[in-house]
Structures are given as structure tokens and as C-alpha cells.
Protein backbone atom coordinates (compact mmCIF):
# COMPACT_ATOMS: atom_id res chain seq x y z
CA MET A 1 -138.46 119.71 152.73
CA ASN A 2 -137.03 120.84 149.39
CA SER A 3 -137.44 118.84 146.17
CA PHE A 4 -133.85 117.59 146.34
CA LEU A 5 -134.38 115.72 149.60
CA LYS A 6 -137.69 114.30 148.41
CA ASN A 7 -135.70 112.14 146.01
CA ARG A 8 -133.17 110.99 148.59
CA ILE A 9 -133.20 109.04 151.82
CA PHE A 10 -132.45 111.31 154.75
CA ILE A 11 -130.01 109.75 157.20
CA VAL A 12 -128.10 110.97 160.23
CA ALA A 13 -124.51 109.80 160.57
CA ILE A 14 -122.97 110.04 164.06
CA PHE A 15 -119.21 109.59 164.11
CA GLY A 16 -116.76 109.73 167.01
CA PRO A 17 -113.70 108.15 168.60
CA THR A 18 -113.78 105.05 170.75
CA ALA A 19 -115.19 105.56 174.27
CA VAL A 20 -116.70 108.97 173.49
CA GLY A 21 -120.21 107.69 174.21
CA LYS A 22 -121.74 107.32 170.74
CA SER A 23 -123.98 104.36 171.60
CA ARG A 24 -125.85 106.04 174.46
CA ILE A 25 -126.28 109.35 172.64
CA ALA A 26 -127.44 107.69 169.42
CA ALA A 27 -129.93 105.52 171.32
CA ASP A 28 -131.44 108.61 172.96
CA VAL A 29 -131.80 110.27 169.56
CA ALA A 30 -133.30 107.15 168.00
CA GLN A 31 -135.84 106.78 170.79
CA ALA A 32 -136.93 110.39 170.48
CA LEU A 33 -137.27 110.36 166.70
CA ASP A 34 -138.50 106.80 166.04
CA GLY A 35 -135.20 105.80 164.52
CA GLU A 36 -133.14 102.65 164.09
CA ILE A 37 -129.36 102.39 164.36
CA VAL A 38 -127.12 100.98 161.66
CA SER A 39 -123.70 100.29 163.15
CA ALA A 40 -120.65 101.54 161.27
CA ASP A 41 -118.08 99.70 163.36
CA SER A 42 -115.86 97.15 161.66
CA MET A 43 -115.43 95.13 164.86
CA GLN A 44 -118.91 95.26 166.39
CA LEU A 45 -120.12 93.33 163.35
CA TYR A 46 -118.72 90.10 164.78
CA VAL A 47 -120.63 87.66 166.94
CA GLY A 48 -118.98 86.23 170.04
CA LEU A 49 -116.94 89.22 171.16
CA PRO A 50 -119.46 91.70 172.60
CA VAL A 51 -117.20 92.80 175.47
CA LEU A 52 -114.00 93.14 173.45
CA THR A 53 -115.71 95.13 170.68
CA ASP A 54 -117.86 97.15 173.11
CA GLN A 55 -121.15 96.29 171.49
CA PRO A 56 -124.24 98.15 172.82
CA ASP A 57 -125.45 96.55 176.02
CA ALA A 58 -128.66 94.57 176.37
CA GLY A 59 -130.57 97.62 177.58
CA LEU A 60 -129.73 99.67 174.50
CA LEU A 61 -130.40 96.75 172.15
CA LYS A 62 -133.81 96.29 173.73
CA ALA A 63 -134.67 99.99 173.70
CA VAL A 64 -133.68 100.64 170.08
CA ARG A 65 -133.41 98.32 167.11
CA HIS A 66 -129.79 97.94 166.01
CA HIS A 67 -128.48 96.52 162.74
CA LEU A 68 -125.10 95.02 161.82
CA VAL A 69 -124.15 94.26 165.42
CA GLY A 70 -122.97 90.77 166.39
CA ILE A 71 -124.02 89.01 163.17
CA ILE A 72 -120.84 88.01 161.30
CA PRO A 73 -119.07 84.72 162.18
CA LEU A 74 -115.60 85.16 163.66
CA GLU A 75 -113.91 83.33 160.80
CA GLU A 76 -115.42 85.55 158.09
CA GLU A 77 -113.66 88.54 156.54
CA TYR A 78 -115.66 91.71 155.90
CA SER A 79 -114.96 94.69 153.64
CA ALA A 80 -116.00 98.31 153.25
CA GLY A 81 -117.61 97.46 149.92
CA ARG A 82 -119.73 94.72 151.46
CA TYR A 83 -120.67 97.05 154.27
CA ALA A 84 -121.85 99.73 151.85
CA LYS A 85 -124.06 97.22 150.04
CA GLU A 86 -125.57 95.61 153.14
CA ALA A 87 -125.98 98.80 155.14
CA GLY A 88 -127.57 100.45 152.11
CA GLY A 89 -130.18 97.73 151.90
CA ILE A 90 -130.96 98.07 155.60
CA ILE A 91 -131.29 101.85 155.29
CA ARG A 92 -133.75 101.50 152.43
CA ASP A 93 -135.80 99.11 154.54
CA ILE A 94 -135.79 101.46 157.55
CA ASN A 95 -136.80 104.38 155.36
CA GLY A 96 -139.53 102.29 153.75
CA ARG A 97 -141.02 101.74 157.19
CA LYS A 98 -141.07 105.53 157.74
CA LYS A 99 -138.38 105.43 160.41
CA LEU A 100 -135.18 107.47 160.68
CA PRO A 101 -131.90 105.66 159.80
CA LEU A 102 -129.02 106.61 162.09
CA VAL A 103 -125.58 105.40 160.99
CA VAL A 104 -123.42 105.26 164.11
CA GLY A 105 -119.80 104.27 164.51
CA GLY A 106 -116.15 105.07 164.42
CA THR A 107 -114.98 103.31 161.26
CA GLY A 108 -114.59 106.26 158.91
CA LEU A 109 -113.83 104.05 155.93
CA TYR A 110 -117.20 102.30 156.29
CA ILE A 111 -119.12 105.57 156.55
CA ARG A 112 -117.39 106.99 153.52
CA ALA A 113 -117.98 103.82 151.50
CA LEU A 114 -121.66 103.89 152.42
CA LEU A 115 -122.11 107.52 151.44
CA GLY A 116 -120.50 106.96 148.06
CA GLY A 117 -117.44 109.12 148.50
CA PHE A 118 -114.72 106.49 148.79
CA SER A 119 -112.50 106.63 145.74
CA PHE A 120 -108.88 107.09 144.86
CA ALA A 121 -108.15 110.35 143.07
CA GLY A 122 -105.93 110.63 140.03
CA LYS A 123 -104.39 108.05 137.72
CA GLY A 124 -102.00 106.74 140.32
CA ASP A 125 -98.30 106.06 140.29
CA ARG A 126 -97.43 103.18 137.95
CA GLN A 127 -94.05 102.64 139.58
CA ALA A 128 -95.62 102.44 143.06
CA ARG A 129 -98.29 100.08 141.77
CA ASN A 130 -95.68 97.79 140.24
CA LYS A 131 -93.84 97.68 143.57
CA TRP A 132 -96.94 96.57 145.46
CA GLU A 133 -97.94 94.10 142.77
CA GLU A 134 -94.50 92.49 143.04
CA LEU A 135 -94.80 92.34 146.83
CA VAL A 136 -98.10 90.49 146.61
CA LYS A 137 -96.77 88.17 143.92
CA GLU A 138 -93.49 87.31 145.65
CA HIS A 139 -94.38 87.42 149.33
CA GLY A 140 -98.13 86.93 149.43
CA THR A 141 -101.15 88.65 150.85
CA ALA A 142 -100.00 88.46 154.46
CA ALA A 143 -96.89 90.54 153.74
CA ALA A 144 -98.91 93.09 151.80
CA MET A 145 -101.47 93.34 154.59
CA ALA A 146 -98.69 93.85 157.13
CA GLN A 147 -97.45 96.82 155.10
CA LEU A 148 -100.94 98.25 154.76
CA ASN A 149 -101.49 97.93 158.50
CA LEU A 150 -98.42 100.12 159.03
CA LEU A 151 -99.52 102.72 156.47
CA ASP A 152 -103.26 102.82 157.17
CA PRO A 153 -104.54 100.47 159.90
CA GLU A 154 -108.17 101.47 159.41
CA ALA A 155 -108.07 100.67 155.69
CA ALA A 156 -106.38 97.36 156.54
CA ALA A 157 -109.20 96.52 158.95
CA ALA A 158 -111.86 97.15 156.32
CA ILE A 159 -110.48 95.75 153.07
CA ASP A 160 -111.08 92.26 151.72
CA SER A 161 -107.50 90.98 151.38
CA ARG A 162 -108.60 88.32 148.89
CA ASN A 163 -109.16 91.05 146.30
CA HIS A 164 -105.53 91.44 145.27
CA ARG A 165 -106.15 94.22 142.77
CA ARG A 166 -108.02 96.24 145.35
CA LEU A 167 -105.31 95.55 147.93
CA VAL A 168 -102.66 96.94 145.59
CA ARG A 169 -104.72 100.07 144.90
CA VAL A 170 -105.27 100.67 148.61
CA LEU A 171 -101.55 100.27 149.29
CA GLU A 172 -100.77 102.68 146.50
CA ALA A 173 -103.23 105.21 147.89
CA ALA A 174 -102.06 104.76 151.49
CA GLU A 175 -98.44 105.35 150.53
CA GLY A 176 -99.15 108.40 148.41
CA LYS A 177 -102.51 110.15 148.38
CA SER A 178 -104.39 108.44 151.16
CA PRO A 179 -108.19 108.27 151.50
CA GLN A 180 -107.86 110.47 154.59
CA GLU A 181 -105.98 113.14 152.65
CA SER A 182 -108.64 113.18 149.95
CA PHE A 183 -111.06 114.54 152.56
CA GLU A 184 -109.25 117.85 152.19
CA ARG A 185 -110.46 118.17 148.59
CA ASP A 186 -113.60 116.10 148.33
CA ARG A 187 -116.95 115.93 150.04
CA LEU A 188 -117.56 113.08 152.43
CA TRP A 189 -120.13 111.80 149.94
CA SER A 190 -120.45 111.86 146.18
CA SER A 191 -122.89 114.15 144.39
CA ASP A 192 -124.86 111.17 143.09
CA SER A 193 -125.32 109.62 146.55
CA PRO A 194 -128.85 108.31 147.19
CA TYR A 195 -128.77 109.93 150.62
CA GLY A 196 -129.39 113.33 152.09
CA VAL A 197 -127.03 113.36 155.05
CA LEU A 198 -126.59 115.22 158.30
CA CYS A 199 -123.17 114.13 159.57
CA ILE A 200 -122.36 114.78 163.23
CA GLY A 201 -118.98 114.36 164.91
CA LEU A 202 -118.67 113.90 168.67
CA VAL A 203 -115.57 115.32 170.34
CA GLU A 204 -114.30 115.30 173.91
CA SER A 205 -111.26 116.74 175.66
CA ARG A 206 -108.18 114.54 175.42
CA ASP A 207 -107.91 114.07 179.17
CA GLU A 208 -111.55 113.05 179.52
CA LEU A 209 -111.40 110.76 176.49
CA ASN A 210 -108.30 109.07 177.90
CA ARG A 211 -110.04 108.66 181.24
CA ARG A 212 -113.02 107.04 179.54
CA ILE A 213 -110.74 104.72 177.58
CA ASP A 214 -108.93 103.66 180.77
CA GLU A 215 -112.22 103.06 182.54
CA ARG A 216 -113.57 101.03 179.64
CA VAL A 217 -110.48 98.80 179.50
CA ASP A 218 -110.53 98.21 183.25
CA THR A 219 -114.22 97.31 183.12
CA MET A 220 -113.65 95.08 180.12
CA LEU A 221 -110.89 93.10 181.81
CA THR A 222 -113.10 92.35 184.80
CA GLY A 223 -116.25 91.91 182.74
CA GLY A 224 -115.71 88.63 180.95
CA VAL A 225 -113.47 89.60 178.04
CA ILE A 226 -110.74 87.12 179.02
CA ASP A 227 -113.11 84.15 178.85
CA GLU A 228 -114.58 85.61 175.66
CA VAL A 229 -111.22 85.79 173.89
CA ASN A 230 -110.13 82.42 175.26
CA LYS A 231 -113.18 80.83 173.69
CA ALA A 232 -112.76 82.70 170.41
CA ARG A 233 -109.10 81.83 169.93
CA ARG A 234 -109.91 78.13 170.02
CA MET A 235 -111.82 78.71 166.80
CA THR A 236 -110.67 79.92 163.40
CA VAL A 237 -110.86 83.71 163.44
CA SER A 238 -110.51 86.12 160.54
CA ARG A 239 -107.51 88.39 160.12
CA THR A 240 -109.76 91.33 160.97
CA VAL A 241 -110.83 89.78 164.27
CA SER A 242 -107.26 88.89 165.17
CA GLN A 243 -106.36 92.58 164.78
CA ALA A 244 -109.11 93.83 167.08
CA ILE A 245 -107.60 95.99 169.78
CA GLY A 246 -106.94 93.80 172.80
CA PHE A 247 -107.31 90.42 171.11
CA LYS A 248 -103.59 89.75 170.75
CA ASP A 249 -102.78 91.22 174.17
CA ILE A 250 -105.29 89.00 175.93
CA CYS A 251 -104.04 85.95 174.06
CA GLU A 252 -100.53 86.75 175.29
CA TYR A 253 -101.86 87.07 178.84
CA LEU A 254 -103.61 83.72 178.52
CA ASP A 255 -100.34 82.18 177.31
CA GLY A 256 -98.49 83.54 180.34
CA GLN A 257 -96.45 86.01 178.30
CA ALA A 258 -97.73 89.13 180.08
CA SER A 259 -99.28 90.08 183.41
CA LEU A 260 -102.83 91.38 183.62
CA ALA A 261 -101.51 94.81 184.60
CA ASP A 262 -99.21 94.95 181.57
CA THR A 263 -102.07 93.75 179.37
CA ALA A 264 -104.24 96.61 180.59
CA VAL A 265 -101.52 99.16 179.89
CA SER A 266 -101.00 97.85 176.37
CA ILE A 267 -104.69 97.85 175.48
CA LYS A 268 -105.15 101.37 176.84
CA ARG A 269 -102.20 102.62 174.82
CA LYS A 270 -103.48 101.04 171.60
CA SER A 271 -106.99 102.35 172.23
CA ARG A 272 -105.68 105.89 172.63
CA ARG A 273 -103.75 105.62 169.38
CA TYR A 274 -106.86 104.38 167.62
CA ALA A 275 -108.92 107.25 169.02
CA LYS A 276 -106.29 109.65 167.70
CA ARG A 277 -106.59 108.16 164.21
CA GLN A 278 -110.37 108.44 164.38
CA LEU A 279 -110.12 112.11 165.34
CA THR A 280 -107.81 112.64 162.37
CA TRP A 281 -110.53 111.23 160.12
CA MET A 282 -113.04 113.58 161.70
CA ARG A 283 -110.90 116.68 161.34
CA LYS A 284 -110.60 116.04 157.61
CA MET A 285 -114.28 115.33 157.06
CA PRO A 286 -115.98 118.30 155.39
CA ASP A 287 -119.71 118.96 155.88
CA ILE A 288 -119.64 117.66 159.45
CA VAL A 289 -121.23 119.31 162.48
CA ARG A 290 -119.00 118.87 165.52
CA ILE A 291 -120.53 118.59 168.98
CA ASP A 292 -118.28 119.13 171.99
CA LEU A 293 -119.24 116.82 174.85
CA ALA A 294 -117.03 118.52 177.44
CA GLY A 295 -118.90 118.80 180.74
CA ARG A 296 -122.17 117.61 179.23
CA LEU A 297 -124.45 114.66 179.84
CA ALA A 298 -125.26 112.26 177.03
CA SER A 299 -128.89 113.37 177.21
CA GLU A 300 -127.86 117.00 176.66
CA ALA A 301 -125.83 116.10 173.58
CA ALA A 302 -128.73 114.02 172.28
CA GLU A 303 -131.07 117.01 172.68
CA GLU A 304 -128.73 119.17 170.62
CA ILE A 305 -128.60 116.55 167.89
CA ILE A 306 -132.40 116.26 167.89
CA GLU A 307 -132.66 120.04 167.45
CA LEU A 308 -130.11 119.94 164.62
CA ILE A 309 -132.08 117.22 162.85
CA GLY A 310 -135.29 119.21 163.15
CA SER A 311 -133.64 122.34 161.80
CA HIS A 312 -132.02 120.41 158.96
CA ARG A 313 -135.32 118.87 157.92
CA GLN A 314 -137.09 122.23 157.92
CA ASN A 315 -134.31 124.16 156.18
CA PRO A 316 -132.07 121.70 154.32
CA PRO A 317 -129.15 123.02 152.29
CA THR A 318 -129.95 123.47 148.62
CA ASP A 319 -127.60 120.64 147.66
CA GLY A 320 -129.36 118.30 150.07
CA PHE A 321 -126.61 117.82 152.62
């Protein structure tokens, strides 16, 4: 290992769209390399909705230690900044115990925040900023969040809406030079990041990914998610939780506003759109190794990742990434 990596914590980040099979592949890698998984999923953080948010099943949780899964109360908001701080502390602990940290998820904003590369380039547009400041002042946070959800749903899911200044800056960036667009110029991580990173992106054919999404939704709807959501909605839930894919649809079904068949169609459609946004993030991530899962078993993909990690450790790039 070169001197650069000796001063940094080596982590493996595995990113991919919903339903691509990240959890199984990452667990295989972690088992083989004595690793622990740090989730980078803005919805899997929450306790009480394991089916809706597709948290790793009991077998995976028993086989490999997972962090930041099912720990945040439903009523609590969570932000990318908080994630970076808490995940960073967990990674230092894992590294201190001589284990490999694997950051696994599909929330690109969280991964970028963790790796130190989330920033808004340039001085910004004063006129645009004034517009968003007036919106927050006159119509409140809810109206501003609704606009952000239209411009950049993933940023909306990650930001702490109580931080009005940050909300305005994110709106300004989403309208003009978005965080996604900045991937075209910048590295995924900053040069002063405390991590040496191997970032891996999992891809699958569109038809197969859509099939997996459909299968997941069908399984979810017969696997306890309706009771899960019914219980959750009787409590106070955060804005983030209320925007989880499927939450609103299932509430409408429970209220008699939609049939189960129509609910399934709606959730599948929204899941496909979300997967498309995640793939857009991936395409604009520099310094990422893409692994095509087409026609391959999860174990085969895991073996390729294990080989990549070994090669990276033996011959790391001179800049440490």
C-alpha cells in the first residue's frame, strides 16, 4: 500500500439502483473480506418500515453486521450532513477494529456528502436566491420543499428542511447548477477526504431491472407492508418517511381510494422512475467502476468486486482513489 493510503481509511462504496441486488452482493463481499456494511439509504434508516424500505432480511443482518439500518424513529427528520457525520464515526470505528468498511446504498447525495465532495460550485445567482428566500418567507417551508421535490427529489429526501438557509441554497442549486451536474466537473470526493475509496456501481439491463422492481413490489404487497404502513400512519411520521415510495399509495388503498391492483401499478411506476434517477447519478459519477450484472449471479458479481478490492489494495492509484 502506498504512503498516501496509509494516512487514509480505505473504504469500498457500492452504489446501484433500487432492486439491483446491492444487499446480497455487498453481504457476500463483507463475509469474504471481514467487512461491515454502512447503509447509504435515506429510507432504510427508519425503524418500523422494513418491508416498505426493503431493509436487508434477517439472514443478511445475522450474517454481516450492518449499521444505520432501522434505527431512526419515524417522526424524526434526517439530513445528508447528519449522515456524513454519523457514518463517518462508524467507519472510523470499523477501521479501528481492523475490519473493512463497505458503504452500500442508492442515495447518491448521502454517499457524496460522506466522501466530502458535496458542495455548490460558484457564487450563485443572487436573483434566484432572493426568489427562493421570498418563497420560504411568504409561503413557508412546505411550499419550498414541494418545489425542491419537483426539481430534485433525492435532494429533497435528504435535506433538513428546518435549515432554511440550506434549503434556499439547495433550491438555487437544483434550479441552476445541480449537484448532479457538478459530477461532470468534480470528483465524487474532495481532495482532502479522510478516505481512500474504491467506488463500484452496479448496473443491470432495463428490462431485467424493471422485472426485479415488479417482483419486489408484488412480494412487498403480500409480505406485510400494508399492515406496516397502517401502523405507521397512526403515528407522527417525518416528511421524509411520508415521501417514501409506496407510503402514500398504500395509505390511499387503506382509505379505499384505490384498488390493490392500481396501488401496485403506481408503486412500480414510481420505483422505475426512482431507479432512473439513481442511474443518472451513477452515469455522472467519475472515478467509479461499473459492474454489469446481466446474466450473472450475485456470487459472481461479488467475486469480481473482491478481486477489484485486492487489486486496488496492492496497486492503488497515486492519488489514493
